[in-house]
Amino acid sequence: MPKKIAVVGAGAWGTALAAHAARIDHEVTIWAREPEVVRDINERAENRLFLEGVALPRSLRASSVPAEVLGGADIVILVPPSAFLRNVAGIVAEYIPKKARIVVASKGIDERTLGLMTDVTAEAMPEHDAAAICALSGPSFAREVASGLPTDVVVASKSAEAAADVADALHTPMFRVYTSRDPIGVEVGGAMKNVLAIAAGACDGLGMGTNARAALITRGLSEMARLGVALGGDPLTFMGLSGVGDLILTSTGALSRNRSLGMKVAEGIEAGKYLAGQRTVAEGYLTARAAWRLAQKLGVDVPITEQVYYVLHEDRPLLEAMKMLLTRAQKDELWGLAR
């Protein structure tokens, strides 16, 4: 049965999700801050600012007025950059129907509270059931989703009913939606893969070879799992779409903004200056700092994340960071993981 779906955030990922939902006959409206994005979607069926060259469904509508987008919505998908989620969620909260399913597709860790994105949303929307908020993650480049290429994702919530409702609404043969009862694990995977992809990009940029990249991804997966388990996540979640799946995609794919950032750092370009010239966000830049602080708070060993943080935010030379990783003490492979 067609639903009324509101997408909050018209960047590449929000536009891709809105396009997918509109193509399967849902009534979809997307909220955008930029007037030129609203005009482009409504008049040209395109988002030239964030997803140039991808044709969007003519049925997809855009607006900068929250009430027009959210009124009567059955499902609300929040997709602003993680740093802006709290503010955006607070702006739109009063317009969201109490019955609506809320889905968080932003990926990151809140710098102020060190909370996950569903935690931030619950705090900004106290009138809504926190246990029923869903997280959507998985290996999914926006341009490929918007173009209708095959993609698998996962929707996680403490409420099995909420996750099933969202999955049923969005699932198609070309956009398969799995469900999970582990929002913590799914969100940690979605956040940490961006940090680790920066390291993978730097590894490639330095010409260290595919053996090194594979090792870095594998050890990064261990870091992701340790941090997630410490927060209460299920270790098996990290073997799924939001864990190893998204980590592989973001660490190796040419469309990865975070991998590209790592490669630029390997060229000697200062990260902050590079990002200042980009229209889109590399979430791993800020997440590296939040993840490092969270790991310290929990007493979790995350050596790759630590070095990414120090390179990006404390001016540690990249070669020094690589040397520190390569000269770490020998350990059992599963050290630090519950067995």
C-alpha atoms as a PDB file:
ATOM      1  CA  MET A   1       0.000   0.000   0.000  1.00  0.00           C
ATOM      2  CA  PRO A   2       1.441   3.411  -0.930  1.00  0.00           C
ATOM      3  CA  LYS A   3       2.604   5.555   1.982  1.00  0.00           C
ATOM      4  CA  LYS A   4       3.185   9.232   2.447  1.00  0.00           C
ATOM      5  CA  ILE A   5       6.934   9.555   2.990  1.00  0.00           C
ATOM      6  CA  ALA A   6       8.772  12.704   4.041  1.00  0.00           C
ATOM      7  CA  VAL A   7      12.527  12.942   3.541  1.00  0.00           C
ATOM      8  CA  VAL A   8      14.309  15.623   5.563  1.00  0.00           C
ATOM      9  CA  GLY A   9      17.566  16.600   3.891  1.00  0.00           C
ATOM     10  CA  ALA A  10      18.139  16.964   0.159  1.00  0.00           C
ATOM     11  CA  GLY A  11      21.807  16.107  -0.103  1.00  0.00           C
ATOM     12  CA  ALA A  12      22.859  13.208  -2.303  1.00  0.00           C
ATOM     13  CA  TRP A  13      21.781  10.483   0.127  1.00  0.00           C
ATOM     14  CA  GLY A  14      18.445  12.072   1.016  1.00  0.00           C
ATOM     15  CA  THR A  15      17.681  12.662  -2.654  1.00  0.00           C
ATOM     16  CA  ALA A  16      18.571   9.061  -3.497  1.00  0.00           C
ATOM     17  CA  LEU A  17      16.257   7.659  -0.820  1.00  0.00           C
ATOM     18  CA  ALA A  18      13.465   9.991  -1.885  1.00  0.00           C
ATOM     19  CA  ALA A  19      13.912   8.983  -5.523  1.00  0.00           C
ATOM     20  CA  HIS A  20      13.755   5.293  -4.643  1.00  0.00           C
ATOM     21  CA  ALA A  21      10.598   5.720  -2.573  1.00  0.00           C
ATOM     22  CA  ALA A  22       8.932   7.799  -5.291  1.00  0.00           C
ATOM     23  CA  ARG A  23       9.713   5.185  -7.954  1.00  0.00           C
ATOM     24  CA  ILE A  24       7.741   2.574  -6.031  1.00  0.00           C
ATOM     25  CA  ASP A  25       4.635   4.739  -6.012  1.00  0.00           C
ATOM     26  CA  HIS A  26       4.839   6.290  -2.572  1.00  0.00           C
ATOM     27  CA  GLU A  27       3.818   9.947  -2.205  1.00  0.00           C
ATOM     28  CA  VAL A  28       7.206  11.504  -1.445  1.00  0.00           C
ATOM     29  CA  THR A  29       8.143  15.059  -0.502  1.00  0.00           C
ATOM     30  CA  ILE A  30      11.677  16.140   0.355  1.00  0.00           C
ATOM     31  CA  TRP A  31      12.647  19.080   2.570  1.00  0.00           C
ATOM     32  CA  ALA A  32      15.539  21.200   1.328  1.00  0.00           C
ATOM     33  CA  ARG A  33      17.066  24.370   2.734  1.00  0.00           C
ATOM     34  CA  GLU A  34      18.422  25.533  -0.626  1.00  0.00           C
ATOM     35  CA  PRO A  35      15.854  27.281  -2.881  1.00  0.00           C
ATOM     36  CA  GLU A  36      17.772  26.182  -5.982  1.00  0.00           C
ATOM     37  CA  VAL A  37      17.429  22.534  -4.951  1.00  0.00           C
ATOM     38  CA  VAL A  38      13.679  22.933  -4.461  1.00  0.00           C
ATOM     39  CA  ARG A  39      13.365  24.539  -7.898  1.00  0.00           C
ATOM     40  CA  ASP A  40      15.528  21.918  -9.579  1.00  0.00           C
ATOM     41  CA  ILE A  41      13.589  18.974  -8.162  1.00  0.00           C
ATOM     42  CA  ASN A  42      10.174  20.478  -8.867  1.00  0.00           C
ATOM     43  CA  GLU A  43      10.907  21.953 -12.302  1.00  0.00           C
ATOM     44  CA  ARG A  44      13.694  19.782 -13.746  1.00  0.00           C
ATOM     45  CA  ALA A  45      13.337  16.474 -11.836  1.00  0.00           C
ATOM     46  CA  GLU A  46      17.017  16.770 -10.951  1.00  0.00           C
ATOM     47  CA  ASN A  47      19.202  17.858  -8.045  1.00  0.00           C
ATOM     48  CA  ARG A  48      22.102  19.480  -9.846  1.00  0.00           C
ATOM     49  CA  LEU A  49      23.665  20.782  -6.640  1.00  0.00           C
ATOM     50  CA  PHE A  50      24.179  17.397  -4.989  1.00  0.00           C
ATOM     51  CA  LEU A  51      23.400  14.666  -7.538  1.00  0.00           C
ATOM     52  CA  GLU A  52      24.006  16.139 -10.953  1.00  0.00           C
ATOM     53  CA  GLY A  53      23.147  14.031 -13.961  1.00  0.00           C
ATOM     54  CA  VAL A  54      20.683  11.685 -12.245  1.00  0.00           C
ATOM     55  CA  ALA A  55      17.076  11.865 -13.438  1.00  0.00           C
ATOM     56  CA  LEU A  56      14.558  11.923 -10.584  1.00  0.00           C
ATOM     57  CA  PRO A  57      10.922  10.777 -10.669  1.00  0.00           C
ATOM     58  CA  ARG A  58       8.546  13.536 -11.773  1.00  0.00           C
ATOM     59  CA  SER A  59       6.260  12.617  -8.875  1.00  0.00           C
ATOM     60  CA  LEU A  60       8.907  13.618  -6.304  1.00  0.00           C
ATOM     61  CA  ARG A  61       8.183  17.043  -4.844  1.00  0.00           C
ATOM     62  CA  ALA A  62      10.397  19.359  -2.803  1.00  0.00           C
ATOM     63  CA  SER A  63       9.696  22.182  -0.371  1.00  0.00           C
ATOM     64  CA  SER A  64      11.469  24.400   2.153  1.00  0.00           C
ATOM     65  CA  VAL A  65       8.355  24.549   4.352  1.00  0.00           C
ATOM     66  CA  PRO A  66       8.399  21.818   7.033  1.00  0.00           C
ATOM     67  CA  ALA A  67       4.620  21.673   7.390  1.00  0.00           C
ATOM     68  CA  GLU A  68       4.205  21.005   3.654  1.00  0.00           C
ATOM     69  CA  VAL A  69       6.695  18.156   3.747  1.00  0.00           C
ATOM     70  CA  LEU A  70       5.785  16.476   7.026  1.00  0.00           C
ATOM     71  CA  GLY A  71       2.044  16.932   7.356  1.00  0.00           C
ATOM     72  CA  GLY A  72       0.282  13.559   7.332  1.00  0.00           C
ATOM     73  CA  ALA A  73       3.511  11.584   6.810  1.00  0.00           C
ATOM     74  CA  ASP A  74       3.489   7.859   7.547  1.00  0.00           C
ATOM     75  CA  ILE A  75       7.298   7.590   7.432  1.00  0.00           C
ATOM     76  CA  VAL A  76       9.828  10.363   8.067  1.00  0.00           C
ATOM     77  CA  ILE A  77      13.427   9.778   6.949  1.00  0.00           C
ATOM     78  CA  LEU A  78      16.007  12.109   8.502  1.00  0.00           C
ATOM     79  CA  VAL A  79      19.106  12.554   6.331  1.00  0.00           C
ATOM     80  CA  PRO A  80      20.968  15.768   7.283  1.00  0.00           C
ATOM     81  CA  PRO A  81      24.726  15.610   7.896  1.00  0.00           C
ATOM     82  CA  SER A  82      25.293  14.192  11.377  1.00  0.00           C
ATOM     83  CA  ALA A  83      26.623  17.493  12.741  1.00  0.00           C
ATOM     84  CA  PHE A  84      23.281  19.156  11.917  1.00  0.00           C
ATOM     85  CA  LEU A  85      20.902  16.361  12.885  1.00  0.00           C
ATOM     86  CA  ARG A  86      20.064  17.710  16.346  1.00  0.00           C
ATOM     87  CA  ASN A  87      19.202  21.158  15.040  1.00  0.00           C
ATOM     88  CA  VAL A  88      17.232  19.880  12.049  1.00  0.00           C
ATOM     89  CA  ALA A  89      15.336  17.304  14.107  1.00  0.00           C
ATOM     90  CA  GLY A  90      14.396  20.032  16.565  1.00  0.00           C
ATOM     91  CA  ILE A  91      13.090  22.238  13.747  1.00  0.00           C
ATOM     92  CA  VAL A  92      10.860  19.588  12.197  1.00  0.00           C
ATOM     93  CA  ALA A  93       9.755  17.722  15.340  1.00  0.00           C
ATOM     94  CA  GLU A  94       6.516  19.654  15.867  1.00  0.00           C
ATOM     95  CA  TYR A  95       5.327  18.896  12.327  1.00  0.00           C
ATOM     96  CA  ILE A  96       5.769  15.115  12.489  1.00  0.00           C
ATOM     97  CA  PRO A  97       2.564  13.142  13.143  1.00  0.00           C
ATOM     98  CA  LYS A  98       2.672  11.042  16.304  1.00  0.00           C
ATOM     99  CA  LYS A  99       1.887   7.906  14.282  1.00  0.00           C
ATOM    100  CA  ALA A 100       4.769   8.378  11.857  1.00  0.00           C
ATOM    101  CA  ARG A 101       7.677   5.969  11.778  1.00  0.00           C
ATOM    102  CA  ILE A 102      10.942   7.897  12.179  1.00  0.00           C
ATOM    103  CA  VAL A 103      14.013   6.647  10.314  1.00  0.00           C
ATOM    104  CA  VAL A 104      17.517   8.070  10.827  1.00  0.00           C
ATOM    105  CA  ALA A 105      19.746   7.666   7.776  1.00  0.00           C
ATOM    106  CA  SER A 106      22.483  10.044   8.985  1.00  0.00           C
ATOM    107  CA  LYS A 107      25.708   8.311  10.053  1.00  0.00           C
ATOM    108  CA  GLY A 108      27.987   9.585  12.794  1.00  0.00           C
ATOM    109  CA  ILE A 109      28.597  10.149  16.509  1.00  0.00           C
ATOM    110  CA  ASP A 110      27.458  13.325  18.234  1.00  0.00           C
ATOM    111  CA  GLU A 111      30.491  15.369  19.235  1.00  0.00           C
ATOM    112  CA  ARG A 112      28.828  16.966  22.250  1.00  0.00           C
ATOM    113  CA  THR A 113      27.193  13.951  23.896  1.00  0.00           C
ATOM    114  CA  LEU A 114      29.075  11.096  22.156  1.00  0.00           C
ATOM    115  CA  GLY A 115      25.644   9.616  21.460  1.00  0.00           C
ATOM    116  CA  LEU A 116      24.534   7.778  18.329  1.00  0.00           C
ATOM    117  CA  MET A 117      22.226   9.389  15.795  1.00  0.00           C
ATOM    118  CA  THR A 118      19.052   7.724  17.105  1.00  0.00           C
ATOM    119  CA  ASP A 119      19.970   9.002  20.579  1.00  0.00           C
ATOM    120  CA  VAL A 120      20.293  12.532  19.202  1.00  0.00           C
ATOM    121  CA  THR A 121      16.949  12.202  17.434  1.00  0.00           C
ATOM    122  CA  ALA A 122      15.210  10.910  20.555  1.00  0.00           C
ATOM    123  CA  GLU A 123      16.549  13.849  22.570  1.00  0.00           C
ATOM    124  CA  ALA A 124      15.374  16.333  19.935  1.00  0.00           C
ATOM    125  CA  MET A 125      11.956  14.670  19.618  1.00  0.00           C
ATOM    126  CA  PRO A 126      10.880  13.812  23.185  1.00  0.00           C
ATOM    127  CA  GLU A 127       7.229  13.447  22.139  1.00  0.00           C
ATOM    128  CA  HIS A 128       8.042  10.413  19.999  1.00  0.00           C
ATOM    129  CA  ASP A 129       8.735   6.865  21.194  1.00  0.00           C
ATOM    130  CA  ALA A 130      12.527   6.548  21.367  1.00  0.00           C
ATOM    131  CA  ALA A 131      12.365   2.749  21.234  1.00  0.00           C
ATOM    132  CA  ALA A 132      10.583   2.853  17.878  1.00  0.00           C
ATOM    133  CA  ILE A 133      13.089   5.124  16.116  1.00  0.00           C
ATOM    134  CA  CYS A 134      14.834   3.248  13.306  1.00  0.00           C
ATOM    135  CA  ALA A 135      18.361   3.482  11.885  1.00  0.00           C
ATOM    136  CA  LEU A 136      18.986   2.807   8.194  1.00  0.00           C
ATOM    137  CA  SER A 137      22.492   1.845   7.084  1.00  0.00           C
ATOM    138  CA  GLY A 138      24.432  -0.423   4.762  1.00  0.00           C
ATOM    139  CA  PRO A 139      26.690  -0.311   1.677  1.00  0.00           C
ATOM    140  CA  SER A 140      24.873   2.248  -0.439  1.00  0.00           C
ATOM    141  CA  PHE A 141      26.461   4.964  -2.536  1.00  0.00           C
ATOM    142  CA  ALA A 142      23.789   7.588  -3.163  1.00  0.00           C
ATOM    143  CA  ARG A 143      24.408   7.867  -6.895  1.00  0.00           C
ATOM    144  CA  GLU A 144      23.918   4.126  -7.408  1.00  0.00           C
ATOM    145  CA  VAL A 145      20.727   4.045  -5.327  1.00  0.00           C
ATOM    146  CA  ALA A 146      19.354   7.069  -7.192  1.00  0.00           C
ATOM    147  CA  SER A 147      20.195   5.359 -10.483  1.00  0.00           C
ATOM    148  CA  GLY A 148      18.277   2.225  -9.496  1.00  0.00           C
ATOM    149  CA  LEU A 149      21.265  -0.108  -9.214  1.00  0.00           C
ATOM    150  CA  PRO A 150      21.005  -3.155  -6.893  1.00  0.00           C
ATOM    151  CA  THR A 151      21.550  -2.277  -3.223  1.00  0.00           C
ATOM    152  CA  ASP A 152      21.069  -4.019   0.129  1.00  0.00           C
ATOM    153  CA  VAL A 153      20.543  -2.081   3.365  1.00  0.00           C
ATOM    154  CA  VAL A 154      19.388  -2.789   6.913  1.00  0.00           C
ATOM    155  CA  VAL A 155      16.794  -1.047   9.085  1.00  0.00           C
ATOM    156  CA  ALA A 156      17.331  -1.482  12.807  1.00  0.00           C
ATOM    157  CA  SER A 157      15.135  -0.648  15.775  1.00  0.00           C
ATOM    158  CA  LYS A 158      14.447  -1.901  19.266  1.00  0.00           C
ATOM    159  CA  SER A 159      10.877  -2.185  17.991  1.00  0.00           C
ATOM    160  CA  ALA A 160      10.612  -5.112  15.590  1.00  0.00           C
ATOM    161  CA  GLU A 161       7.251  -3.754  14.414  1.00  0.00           C
ATOM    162  CA  ALA A 162       8.713  -0.345  13.521  1.00  0.00           C
ATOM    163  CA  ALA A 163      11.626  -1.869  11.606  1.00  0.00           C
ATOM    164  CA  ALA A 164       9.275  -4.216   9.739  1.00  0.00           C
ATOM    165  CA  ASP A 165       6.947  -1.364   8.768  1.00  0.00           C
ATOM    166  CA  VAL A 166       9.819   0.648   7.275  1.00  0.00           C
ATOM    167  CA  ALA A 167      11.357  -2.369   5.559  1.00  0.00           C
ATOM    168  CA  ASP A 168       8.021  -3.367   4.019  1.00  0.00           C
ATOM    169  CA  ALA A 169       7.534   0.138   2.646  1.00  0.00           C
ATOM    170  CA  LEU A 170      10.986   0.434   1.053  1.00  0.00           C
ATOM    171  CA  HIS A 171      11.881  -3.128   0.034  1.00  0.00           C
ATOM    172  CA  THR A 172      12.118  -3.986  -3.671  1.00  0.00           C
ATOM    173  CA  PRO A 173      14.146  -6.523  -5.675  1.00  0.00           C
ATOM    174  CA  MET A 174      16.640  -3.739  -6.487  1.00  0.00           C
ATOM    175  CA  PHE A 175      16.662  -2.200  -2.997  1.00  0.00           C
ATOM    176  CA  ARG A 176      16.526  -5.053  -0.550  1.00  0.00           C
ATOM    177  CA  VAL A 177      15.844  -4.010   3.042  1.00  0.00           C
ATOM    178  CA  TYR A 178      16.761  -6.341   5.889  1.00  0.00           C
ATOM    179  CA  THR A 179      15.713  -5.790   9.514  1.00  0.00           C
ATOM    180  CA  SER A 180      17.682  -5.865  12.757  1.00  0.00           C
ATOM    181  CA  ARG A 181      16.956  -5.566  16.468  1.00  0.00           C
ATOM    182  CA  ASP A 182      20.430  -4.079  17.071  1.00  0.00           C
ATOM    183  CA  PRO A 183      20.341  -0.336  16.339  1.00  0.00           C
ATOM    184  CA  ILE A 184      23.523   0.183  18.369  1.00  0.00           C
ATOM    185  CA  GLY A 185      25.579  -2.180  16.241  1.00  0.00           C
ATOM    186  CA  VAL A 186      24.081  -0.904  12.998  1.00  0.00           C
ATOM    187  CA  GLU A 187      24.791   2.722  13.922  1.00  0.00           C
ATOM    188  CA  VAL A 188      28.322   2.106  15.174  1.00  0.00           C
ATOM    189  CA  GLY A 189      29.102   0.325  11.908  1.00  0.00           C
ATOM    190  CA  GLY A 190      27.690   3.186   9.865  1.00  0.00           C
ATOM    191  CA  ALA A 191      29.695   5.760  11.797  1.00  0.00           C
ATOM    192  CA  MET A 192      33.021   3.962  12.135  1.00  0.00           C
ATOM    193  CA  LYS A 193      33.307   2.834   8.526  1.00  0.00           C
ATOM    194  CA  ASN A 194      33.751   6.471   7.492  1.00  0.00           C
ATOM    195  CA  VAL A 195      36.726   6.929   9.816  1.00  0.00           C
ATOM    196  CA  LEU A 196      38.328   3.699   8.681  1.00  0.00           C
ATOM    197  CA  ALA A 197      37.774   4.579   5.015  1.00  0.00           C
ATOM    198  CA  ILE A 198      39.910   7.694   5.512  1.00  0.00           C
ATOM    199  CA  ALA A 199      42.707   5.433   6.729  1.00  0.00           C
ATOM    200  CA  ALA A 200      42.205   3.123   3.746  1.00  0.00           C
ATOM    201  CA  GLY A 201      42.387   6.069   1.367  1.00  0.00           C
ATOM    202  CA  ALA A 202      45.609   7.241   2.965  1.00  0.00           C
ATOM    203  CA  CYS A 203      47.012   3.716   2.691  1.00  0.00           C
ATOM    204  CA  ASP A 204      46.225   3.658  -1.026  1.00  0.00           C
ATOM    205  CA  GLY A 205      47.509   7.187  -1.486  1.00  0.00           C
ATOM    206  CA  LEU A 206      50.846   6.220   0.010  1.00  0.00           C
ATOM    207  CA  GLY A 207      51.109   3.256  -2.363  1.00  0.00           C
ATOM    208  CA  MET A 208      51.287   0.688   0.428  1.00  0.00           C
ATOM    209  CA  GLY A 209      49.618  -2.015  -1.627  1.00  0.00           C
ATOM    210  CA  THR A 210      46.474  -4.117  -1.560  1.00  0.00           C
ATOM    211  CA  ASN A 211      47.815  -6.442   1.161  1.00  0.00           C
ATOM    212  CA  ALA A 212      48.114  -3.470   3.496  1.00  0.00           C
ATOM    213  CA  ARG A 213      44.670  -2.185   2.574  1.00  0.00           C
ATOM    214  CA  ALA A 214      43.091  -5.590   3.259  1.00  0.00           C
ATOM    215  CA  ALA A 215      44.851  -5.809   6.610  1.00  0.00           C
ATOM    216  CA  LEU A 216      43.770  -2.295   7.541  1.00  0.00           C
ATOM    217  CA  ILE A 217      40.127  -3.014   6.680  1.00  0.00           C
ATOM    218  CA  THR A 218      40.183  -6.251   8.674  1.00  0.00           C
ATOM    219  CA  ARG A 219      41.792  -4.696  11.751  1.00  0.00           C
ATOM    220  CA  GLY A 220      39.434  -1.754  11.392  1.00  0.00           C
ATOM    221  CA  LEU A 221      36.505  -4.156  11.536  1.00  0.00           C
ATOM    222  CA  SER A 222      37.871  -5.392  14.868  1.00  0.00           C
ATOM    223  CA  GLU A 223      37.938  -1.821  16.180  1.00  0.00           C
ATOM    224  CA  MET A 224      34.384  -1.258  15.016  1.00  0.00           C
ATOM    225  CA  ALA A 225      33.217  -4.433  16.757  1.00  0.00           C
ATOM    226  CA  ARG A 226      35.048  -3.670  20.011  1.00  0.00           C
ATOM    227  CA  LEU A 227      33.502  -0.226  20.247  1.00  0.00           C
ATOM    228  CA  GLY A 228      30.039  -1.487  19.318  1.00  0.00           C
ATOM    229  CA  VAL A 229      30.118  -4.355  21.808  1.00  0.00           C
ATOM    230  CA  ALA A 230      31.257  -1.976  24.551  1.00  0.00           C
ATOM    231  CA  LEU A 231      28.128   0.091  23.879  1.00  0.00           C
ATOM    232  CA  GLY A 232      25.897  -2.984  24.018  1.00  0.00           C
ATOM    233  CA  GLY A 233      25.815  -4.005  20.351  1.00  0.00           C
ATOM    234  CA  ASP A 234      25.722  -7.577  19.048  1.00  0.00           C
ATOM    235  CA  PRO A 235      29.127  -8.675  17.666  1.00  0.00           C
ATOM    236  CA  LEU A 236      27.412 -10.549  14.817  1.00  0.00           C
ATOM    237  CA  THR A 237      25.971  -7.268  13.513  1.00  0.00           C
ATOM    238  CA  PHE A 238      29.445  -6.229  12.393  1.00  0.00           C
ATOM    239  CA  MET A 239      29.588  -9.200  10.026  1.00  0.00           C
ATOM    240  CA  GLY A 240      26.527  -7.800   8.234  1.00  0.00           C
ATOM    241  CA  LEU A 241      25.605  -5.013   5.851  1.00  0.00           C
ATOM    242  CA  SER A 242      26.196  -2.076   8.191  1.00  0.00           C
ATOM    243  CA  GLY A 243      29.515  -3.502   9.373  1.00  0.00           C
ATOM    244  CA  VAL A 244      31.803  -5.328   6.983  1.00  0.00           C
ATOM    245  CA  GLY A 245      29.554  -4.543   4.011  1.00  0.00           C
ATOM    246  CA  ASP A 246      29.633  -0.775   4.360  1.00  0.00           C
ATOM    247  CA  LEU A 247      33.273  -0.845   5.471  1.00  0.00           C
ATOM    248  CA  ILE A 248      34.375  -2.632   2.290  1.00  0.00           C
ATOM    249  CA  LEU A 249      32.360  -0.318   0.048  1.00  0.00           C
ATOM    250  CA  THR A 250      33.509   2.918   1.666  1.00  0.00           C
ATOM    251  CA  SER A 251      37.136   1.835   1.942  1.00  0.00           C
ATOM    252  CA  THR A 252      37.482   0.709  -1.672  1.00  0.00           C
ATOM    253  CA  GLY A 253      34.838   2.450  -3.789  1.00  0.00           C
ATOM    254  CA  ALA A 254      35.764   5.310  -6.097  1.00  0.00           C
ATOM    255  CA  LEU A 255      32.621   7.240  -5.046  1.00  0.00           C
ATOM    256  CA  SER A 256      33.659   7.286  -1.374  1.00  0.00           C
ATOM    257  CA  ARG A 257      34.160  10.839  -0.087  1.00  0.00           C
ATOM    258  CA  ASN A 258      35.971   9.554   2.997  1.00  0.00           C
ATOM    259  CA  ARG A 259      38.393   7.416   1.011  1.00  0.00           C
ATOM    260  CA  SER A 260      39.026  10.434  -1.232  1.00  0.00           C
ATOM    261  CA  LEU A 261      39.813  12.544   1.826  1.00  0.00           C
ATOM    262  CA  GLY A 262      42.414   9.997   2.949  1.00  0.00           C
ATOM    263  CA  MET A 263      44.007  10.023  -0.480  1.00  0.00           C
ATOM    264  CA  LYS A 264      44.216  13.819  -0.428  1.00  0.00           C
ATOM    265  CA  VAL A 265      45.874  13.716   2.991  1.00  0.00           C
ATOM    266  CA  ALA A 266      48.421  11.267   1.545  1.00  0.00           C
ATOM    267  CA  GLU A 267      49.167  13.875  -1.134  1.00  0.00           C
ATOM    268  CA  GLY A 268      50.064  16.346   1.609  1.00  0.00           C
ATOM    269  CA  ILE A 269      46.839  18.364   1.429  1.00  0.00           C
ATOM    270  CA  GLU A 270      45.529  19.620   4.777  1.00  0.00           C
ATOM    271  CA  ALA A 271      42.184  17.956   5.491  1.00  0.00           C
ATOM    272  CA  GLY A 272      40.306  21.007   6.714  1.00  0.00           C
ATOM    273  CA  LYS A 273      41.314  23.092   3.714  1.00  0.00           C
ATOM    274  CA  TYR A 274      40.364  20.325   1.302  1.00  0.00           C
ATOM    275  CA  LEU A 275      36.932  19.863   2.874  1.00  0.00           C
ATOM    276  CA  ALA A 276      36.295  23.608   2.895  1.00  0.00           C
ATOM    277  CA  GLY A 277      36.311  23.495  -0.899  1.00  0.00           C
ATOM    278  CA  GLN A 278      33.856  20.611  -1.138  1.00  0.00           C
ATOM    279  CA  ARG A 279      30.083  20.946  -1.329  1.00  0.00           C
ATOM    280  CA  THR A 280      29.482  17.506   0.149  1.00  0.00           C
ATOM    281  CA  VAL A 281      30.452  16.221   3.600  1.00  0.00           C
ATOM    282  CA  ALA A 282      33.045  13.569   4.481  1.00  0.00           C
ATOM    283  CA  GLU A 283      31.438  12.395   7.722  1.00  0.00           C
ATOM    284  CA  GLY A 284      34.562  10.600   8.909  1.00  0.00           C
ATOM    285  CA  TYR A 285      36.381  13.893   9.510  1.00  0.00           C
ATOM    286  CA  LEU A 286      34.286  14.887  12.543  1.00  0.00           C
ATOM    287  CA  THR A 287      33.394  11.317  13.479  1.00  0.00           C
ATOM    288  CA  ALA A 288      37.095  10.521  13.984  1.00  0.00           C
ATOM    289  CA  ARG A 289      37.253  12.975  16.874  1.00  0.00           C
ATOM    290  CA  ALA A 290      33.985  11.833  18.431  1.00  0.00           C
ATOM    291  CA  ALA A 291      34.857   8.141  18.024  1.00  0.00           C
ATOM    292  CA  TRP A 292      38.283   8.617  19.593  1.00  0.00           C
ATOM    293  CA  ARG A 293      36.754  10.407  22.589  1.00  0.00           C
ATOM    294  CA  LEU A 294      34.081   7.745  22.942  1.00  0.00           C
ATOM    295  CA  ALA A 295      36.666   4.964  22.811  1.00  0.00           C
ATOM    296  CA  GLN A 296      38.720   6.703  25.498  1.00  0.00           C
ATOM    297  CA  LYS A 297      35.622   7.071  27.665  1.00  0.00           C
ATOM    298  CA  LEU A 298      34.835   3.356  27.322  1.00  0.00           C
ATOM    299  CA  GLY A 299      38.450   2.152  27.566  1.00  0.00           C
ATOM    300  CA  VAL A 300      38.338   0.542  24.099  1.00  0.00           C
ATOM    301  CA  ASP A 301      41.480   0.038  22.022  1.00  0.00           C
ATOM    302  CA  VAL A 302      41.023   1.644  18.566  1.00  0.00           C
ATOM    303  CA  PRO A 303      44.542   2.238  17.187  1.00  0.00           C
ATOM    304  CA  ILE A 304      43.550   3.021  13.589  1.00  0.00           C
ATOM    305  CA  THR A 305      40.858   5.457  14.701  1.00  0.00           C
ATOM    306  CA  GLU A 306      43.356   7.019  17.089  1.00  0.00           C
ATOM    307  CA  GLN A 307      45.840   7.692  14.311  1.00  0.00           C
ATOM    308  CA  VAL A 308      43.160   9.069  11.982  1.00  0.00           C
ATOM    309  CA  TYR A 309      42.124  11.461  14.735  1.00  0.00           C
ATOM    310  CA  TYR A 310      45.674  12.636  15.384  1.00  0.00           C
ATOM    311  CA  VAL A 311      46.450  13.109  11.695  1.00  0.00           C
ATOM    312  CA  LEU A 312      43.254  15.035  10.973  1.00  0.00           C
ATOM    313  CA  HIS A 313      42.928  17.080  14.142  1.00  0.00           C
ATOM    314  CA  GLU A 314      46.309  17.204  15.894  1.00  0.00           C
ATOM    315  CA  ASP A 315      48.650  17.636  12.903  1.00  0.00           C
ATOM    316  CA  ARG A 316      50.444  14.329  13.340  1.00  0.00           C
ATOM    317  CA  PRO A 317      52.440  13.554  10.165  1.00  0.00           C
ATOM    318  CA  LEU A 318      50.828  10.750   8.194  1.00  0.00           C
ATOM    319  CA  LEU A 319      54.033   8.731   7.876  1.00  0.00           C
ATOM    320  CA  GLU A 320      54.551   8.932  11.623  1.00  0.00           C
ATOM    321  CA  ALA A 321      51.016   7.648  12.171  1.00  0.00           C
ATOM    322  CA  MET A 322      51.606   4.762   9.763  1.00  0.00           C
ATOM    323  CA  LYS A 323      54.851   3.876  11.531  1.00  0.00           C
ATOM    324  CA  MET A 324      53.088   3.835  14.899  1.00  0.00           C
ATOM    325  CA  LEU A 325      50.548   1.363  13.554  1.00  0.00           C
ATOM    326  CA  LEU A 326      53.129  -0.868  11.909  1.00  0.00           C
ATOM    327  CA  THR A 327      55.295  -1.065  15.030  1.00  0.00           C
ATOM    328  CA  ARG A 328      52.547  -1.910  17.525  1.00  0.00           C
ATOM    329  CA  ALA A 329      53.182  -4.890  19.796  1.00  0.00           C
ATOM    330  CA  GLN A 330      52.286  -8.336  18.477  1.00  0.00           C
ATOM    331  CA  LYS A 331      48.957  -9.659  19.825  1.00  0.00           C
ATOM    332  CA  ASP A 332      46.480 -12.502  19.493  1.00  0.00           C
ATOM    333  CA  GLU A 333      44.240 -11.707  16.530  1.00  0.00           C
ATOM    334  CA  LEU A 334      41.045 -11.652  18.621  1.00  0.00           C
ATOM    335  CA  TRP A 335      42.566  -9.682  21.496  1.00  0.00           C
ATOM    336  CA  GLY A 336      39.989  -7.376  23.038  1.00  0.00           C
ATOM    337  CA  LEU A 337      36.959  -9.211  21.615  1.00  0.00           C
ATOM    338  CA  ALA A 338      34.673 -11.266  23.819  1.00  0.00           C
ATOM    339  CA  ARG A 339      34.955 -15.002  23.126  1.00  0.00           C
END
